[in-house]
Each structure stands twice: as structure tokens, then as C-alpha cells.
Amino acid sequence: MNFYLSATDDLLKTAADQPSIGIILCKSKNKVEVEYSLRDMKKPIGVSEFTVTQALPAELKGTLPTVEEFERELNKDLK
């Protein structure tokens, strides 16, 4: 992720843009893997869990994938 964010900031970001952030969607969070993966990173990084919910503001409907679409994508490698 650091490689892609650094390349994006270097090649695509303008002076008006803030530093890029990366988001990795996972089915679960493994604290040991997170610790080892991020141990020597110097950039600020947050790790969190979230729950996908059916409640989506009306102005965002149609612009984001549905819960079902997320679930289909996450389950592709399991079949």
C-alpha cells in the first residue's frame, strides 16, 4: 500500500491536494498481522473494524456498492 500511495502522491497529486490515504477492505482484522505489517511505517496509519449496514443516506444511494455487492466481492475467493 505504501508503494501505491507514494506513487500516487508523487505522480498524480497536485499542490492543492492533501496526502493520499489507502483503504484495504478485509473480512476480519488480525492484530498480529497488522502489527508486523505496519511496525516500521513512518506515515500515520489507522486500523479499524467496521460493520456494513443497510442504512445509507439517500444522497449516497446509487453511488456506492450495496451490501450484497460487497459481500459478493469478498466471497469470490472463497468459492
N, C-alpha and C. Protein backbone atom coordinates (compact mmCIF):
# COMPACT_ATOMS: atom_id res chain seq x y z
N MET A 1 0.83 -1.18 0.00
CA MET A 1 0.00 0.00 0.00
C MET A 1 0.87 1.25 0.00
N ASN A 2 1.95 1.23 0.78
CA ASN A 2 2.82 2.40 0.84
C ASN A 2 3.37 2.75 -0.54
N PHE A 3 3.75 1.74 -1.33
CA PHE A 3 4.25 1.97 -2.68
C PHE A 3 3.22 2.73 -3.52
N TYR A 4 2.00 2.24 -3.53
CA TYR A 4 0.95 2.85 -4.35
C TYR A 4 0.61 4.27 -3.88
N LEU A 5 0.56 4.47 -2.58
CA LEU A 5 0.26 5.81 -2.07
C LEU A 5 1.39 6.79 -2.39
N SER A 6 2.63 6.34 -2.25
CA SER A 6 3.76 7.20 -2.57
C SER A 6 3.76 7.57 -4.05
N ALA A 7 3.50 6.59 -4.92
CA ALA A 7 3.46 6.85 -6.36
C ALA A 7 2.31 7.80 -6.70
N THR A 8 1.16 7.60 -6.09
CA THR A 8 0.01 8.48 -6.34
C THR A 8 0.33 9.90 -5.91
N ASP A 9 0.91 10.05 -4.72
CA ASP A 9 1.25 11.39 -4.24
C ASP A 9 2.29 12.06 -5.13
N ASP A 10 3.24 11.28 -5.63
CA ASP A 10 4.30 11.83 -6.46
C ASP A 10 3.83 12.16 -7.88
N LEU A 11 3.02 11.29 -8.47
CA LEU A 11 2.68 11.41 -9.89
C LEU A 11 1.33 12.08 -10.17
N LEU A 12 0.39 11.99 -9.25
CA LEU A 12 -0.96 12.47 -9.53
C LEU A 12 -1.42 13.64 -8.67
N LYS A 13 -0.92 13.73 -7.46
CA LYS A 13 -1.38 14.74 -6.51
C LYS A 13 -0.93 16.13 -6.95
N THR A 14 -1.81 17.10 -6.78
CA THR A 14 -1.46 18.49 -7.06
C THR A 14 -1.14 19.19 -5.74
N ALA A 15 -0.64 20.40 -5.81
CA ALA A 15 -0.30 21.16 -4.60
C ALA A 15 -1.54 21.42 -3.73
N ALA A 16 -2.70 21.44 -4.33
CA ALA A 16 -3.94 21.69 -3.58
C ALA A 16 -4.46 20.45 -2.87
N ASP A 17 -3.94 19.27 -3.22
CA ASP A 17 -4.42 18.01 -2.64
C ASP A 17 -3.71 17.70 -1.33
N GLN A 18 -4.45 17.04 -0.46
CA GLN A 18 -3.87 16.51 0.78
C GLN A 18 -3.18 15.18 0.45
N PRO A 19 -2.32 14.65 1.34
CA PRO A 19 -1.71 13.35 1.09
C PRO A 19 -2.79 12.27 0.90
N SER A 20 -2.51 11.33 0.04
CA SER A 20 -3.46 10.25 -0.24
C SER A 20 -3.58 9.32 0.97
N ILE A 21 -4.72 8.65 1.04
CA ILE A 21 -4.91 7.62 2.06
C ILE A 21 -5.26 6.33 1.34
N GLY A 22 -4.93 5.22 1.95
CA GLY A 22 -5.27 3.92 1.39
C GLY A 22 -6.28 3.22 2.28
N ILE A 23 -7.16 2.49 1.65
CA ILE A 23 -8.16 1.73 2.38
C ILE A 23 -8.11 0.29 1.87
N ILE A 24 -7.93 -0.63 2.79
CA ILE A 24 -7.93 -2.05 2.44
C ILE A 24 -9.12 -2.67 3.15
N LEU A 25 -10.01 -3.27 2.39
CA LEU A 25 -11.18 -3.93 2.96
C LEU A 25 -10.87 -5.40 3.20
N CYS A 26 -11.08 -5.85 4.41
CA CYS A 26 -10.81 -7.25 4.77
C CYS A 26 -12.02 -7.79 5.52
N LYS A 27 -12.16 -9.10 5.48
CA LYS A 27 -13.26 -9.73 6.20
C LYS A 27 -13.06 -9.66 7.70
N SER A 28 -11.80 -9.70 8.15
CA SER A 28 -11.52 -9.63 9.57
C SER A 28 -10.17 -8.98 9.79
N LYS A 29 -9.91 -8.56 11.03
CA LYS A 29 -8.65 -7.91 11.37
C LYS A 29 -7.86 -8.83 12.27
N ASN A 30 -6.63 -9.14 11.86
CA ASN A 30 -5.74 -9.96 12.67
C ASN A 30 -4.70 -9.03 13.28
N LYS A 31 -4.74 -8.84 14.58
CA LYS A 31 -3.88 -7.86 15.24
C LYS A 31 -2.40 -8.16 15.06
N VAL A 32 -2.01 -9.44 15.03
CA VAL A 32 -0.60 -9.79 14.85
C VAL A 32 -0.14 -9.41 13.44
N GLU A 33 -0.94 -9.72 12.44
CA GLU A 33 -0.58 -9.37 11.07
C GLU A 33 -0.50 -7.85 10.89
N VAL A 34 -1.43 -7.12 11.49
CA VAL A 34 -1.42 -5.66 11.40
C VAL A 34 -0.15 -5.12 12.05
N GLU A 35 0.18 -5.63 13.23
CA GLU A 35 1.37 -5.15 13.94
C GLU A 35 2.63 -5.36 13.10
N TYR A 36 2.83 -6.55 12.58
CA TYR A 36 4.03 -6.82 11.79
C TYR A 36 4.03 -6.06 10.47
N SER A 37 2.89 -5.91 9.86
CA SER A 37 2.81 -5.22 8.57
C SER A 37 3.13 -3.74 8.70
N LEU A 38 2.77 -3.14 9.81
CA LEU A 38 2.89 -1.69 9.95
C LEU A 38 4.00 -1.25 10.90
N ARG A 39 4.74 -2.16 11.45
CA ARG A 39 5.70 -1.85 12.50
C ARG A 39 6.68 -0.74 12.13
N ASP A 40 7.27 -0.76 10.97
CA ASP A 40 8.30 0.22 10.60
C ASP A 40 7.78 1.35 9.73
N MET A 41 6.48 1.48 9.61
CA MET A 41 5.91 2.56 8.80
C MET A 41 6.07 3.88 9.54
N LYS A 42 6.43 4.91 8.81
CA LYS A 42 6.62 6.24 9.41
C LYS A 42 5.43 7.16 9.16
N LYS A 43 4.54 6.77 8.26
CA LYS A 43 3.36 7.59 7.96
C LYS A 43 2.25 7.23 8.95
N PRO A 44 1.40 8.21 9.30
CA PRO A 44 0.29 7.89 10.20
C PRO A 44 -0.68 6.92 9.53
N ILE A 45 -1.07 5.91 10.26
CA ILE A 45 -1.97 4.89 9.74
C ILE A 45 -2.97 4.53 10.83
N GLY A 46 -4.21 4.34 10.45
CA GLY A 46 -5.22 3.88 11.38
C GLY A 46 -5.74 2.52 10.96
N VAL A 47 -6.04 1.69 11.92
CA VAL A 47 -6.59 0.37 11.64
C VAL A 47 -7.87 0.26 12.46
N SER A 48 -8.92 -0.18 11.80
CA SER A 48 -10.20 -0.22 12.48
C SER A 48 -11.07 -1.33 11.92
N GLU A 49 -12.09 -1.66 12.63
CA GLU A 49 -13.11 -2.58 12.15
C GLU A 49 -14.38 -1.77 11.93
N PHE A 50 -15.20 -2.21 11.01
CA PHE A 50 -16.46 -1.53 10.80
C PHE A 50 -17.52 -2.56 10.47
N THR A 51 -18.75 -2.15 10.59
CA THR A 51 -19.88 -3.01 10.26
C THR A 51 -20.62 -2.38 9.09
N VAL A 52 -20.82 -3.18 8.06
CA VAL A 52 -21.60 -2.70 6.92
C VAL A 52 -23.06 -2.71 7.35
N THR A 53 -23.73 -1.63 7.05
CA THR A 53 -25.12 -1.51 7.48
C THR A 53 -26.02 -1.21 6.27
N GLN A 54 -27.26 -1.46 6.43
CA GLN A 54 -28.22 -1.18 5.36
C GLN A 54 -28.58 0.31 5.31
N ALA A 55 -28.32 1.05 6.41
CA ALA A 55 -28.69 2.46 6.48
C ALA A 55 -27.69 3.31 5.72
N LEU A 56 -28.09 3.86 4.61
CA LEU A 56 -27.24 4.69 3.78
C LEU A 56 -27.99 5.97 3.45
N PRO A 57 -27.36 7.12 3.66
CA PRO A 57 -28.06 8.38 3.34
C PRO A 57 -28.54 8.39 1.89
N ALA A 58 -29.69 8.96 1.66
CA ALA A 58 -30.33 8.96 0.34
C ALA A 58 -29.41 9.53 -0.74
N GLU A 59 -28.63 10.57 -0.42
CA GLU A 59 -27.78 11.19 -1.44
C GLU A 59 -26.61 10.28 -1.86
N LEU A 60 -26.32 9.25 -1.08
CA LEU A 60 -25.24 8.32 -1.45
C LEU A 60 -25.74 7.07 -2.16
N LYS A 61 -27.04 6.81 -2.07
CA LYS A 61 -27.57 5.62 -2.73
C LYS A 61 -27.31 5.70 -4.22
N GLY A 62 -26.84 4.62 -4.78
CA GLY A 62 -26.53 4.58 -6.20
C GLY A 62 -25.10 4.98 -6.51
N THR A 63 -24.39 5.56 -5.55
CA THR A 63 -23.00 5.94 -5.78
C THR A 63 -22.02 4.97 -5.15
N LEU A 64 -22.49 4.16 -4.21
CA LEU A 64 -21.64 3.18 -3.53
C LEU A 64 -22.20 1.78 -3.77
N PRO A 65 -21.33 0.77 -3.71
CA PRO A 65 -21.83 -0.60 -3.85
C PRO A 65 -22.80 -0.95 -2.72
N THR A 66 -23.72 -1.83 -3.00
CA THR A 66 -24.66 -2.29 -1.98
C THR A 66 -23.93 -3.29 -1.07
N VAL A 67 -24.57 -3.59 0.06
CA VAL A 67 -24.02 -4.60 0.97
C VAL A 67 -23.87 -5.92 0.22
N GLU A 68 -24.85 -6.26 -0.59
CA GLU A 68 -24.80 -7.51 -1.34
C GLU A 68 -23.63 -7.53 -2.32
N GLU A 69 -23.38 -6.40 -2.99
CA GLU A 69 -22.26 -6.32 -3.92
C GLU A 69 -20.92 -6.47 -3.18
N PHE A 70 -20.79 -5.83 -2.02
CA PHE A 70 -19.60 -6.01 -1.20
C PHE A 70 -19.41 -7.47 -0.83
N GLU A 71 -20.49 -8.09 -0.34
CA GLU A 71 -20.41 -9.48 0.08
C GLU A 71 -20.03 -10.40 -1.07
N ARG A 72 -20.58 -10.16 -2.27
CA ARG A 72 -20.23 -10.97 -3.43
C ARG A 72 -18.74 -10.85 -3.73
N GLU A 73 -18.21 -9.63 -3.70
CA GLU A 73 -16.78 -9.41 -3.97
C GLU A 73 -15.92 -10.10 -2.93
N LEU A 74 -16.28 -9.97 -1.66
CA LEU A 74 -15.49 -10.57 -0.59
C LEU A 74 -15.54 -12.09 -0.62
N ASN A 75 -16.63 -12.65 -1.13
CA ASN A 75 -16.78 -14.11 -1.16
C ASN A 75 -16.22 -14.75 -2.42
N LYS A 76 -15.81 -13.98 -3.42
CA LYS A 76 -15.34 -14.54 -4.69
C LYS A 76 -14.22 -15.55 -4.50
N ASP A 77 -13.24 -15.25 -3.67
CA ASP A 77 -12.09 -16.13 -3.49
C ASP A 77 -12.41 -17.35 -2.63
N LEU A 78 -13.54 -17.34 -1.98
CA LEU A 78 -13.90 -18.45 -1.09
C LEU A 78 -14.57 -19.59 -1.81
N LYS A 79 -14.99 -19.36 -3.05
CA LYS A 79 -15.72 -20.41 -3.77
C LYS A 79 -14.81 -21.26 -4.59
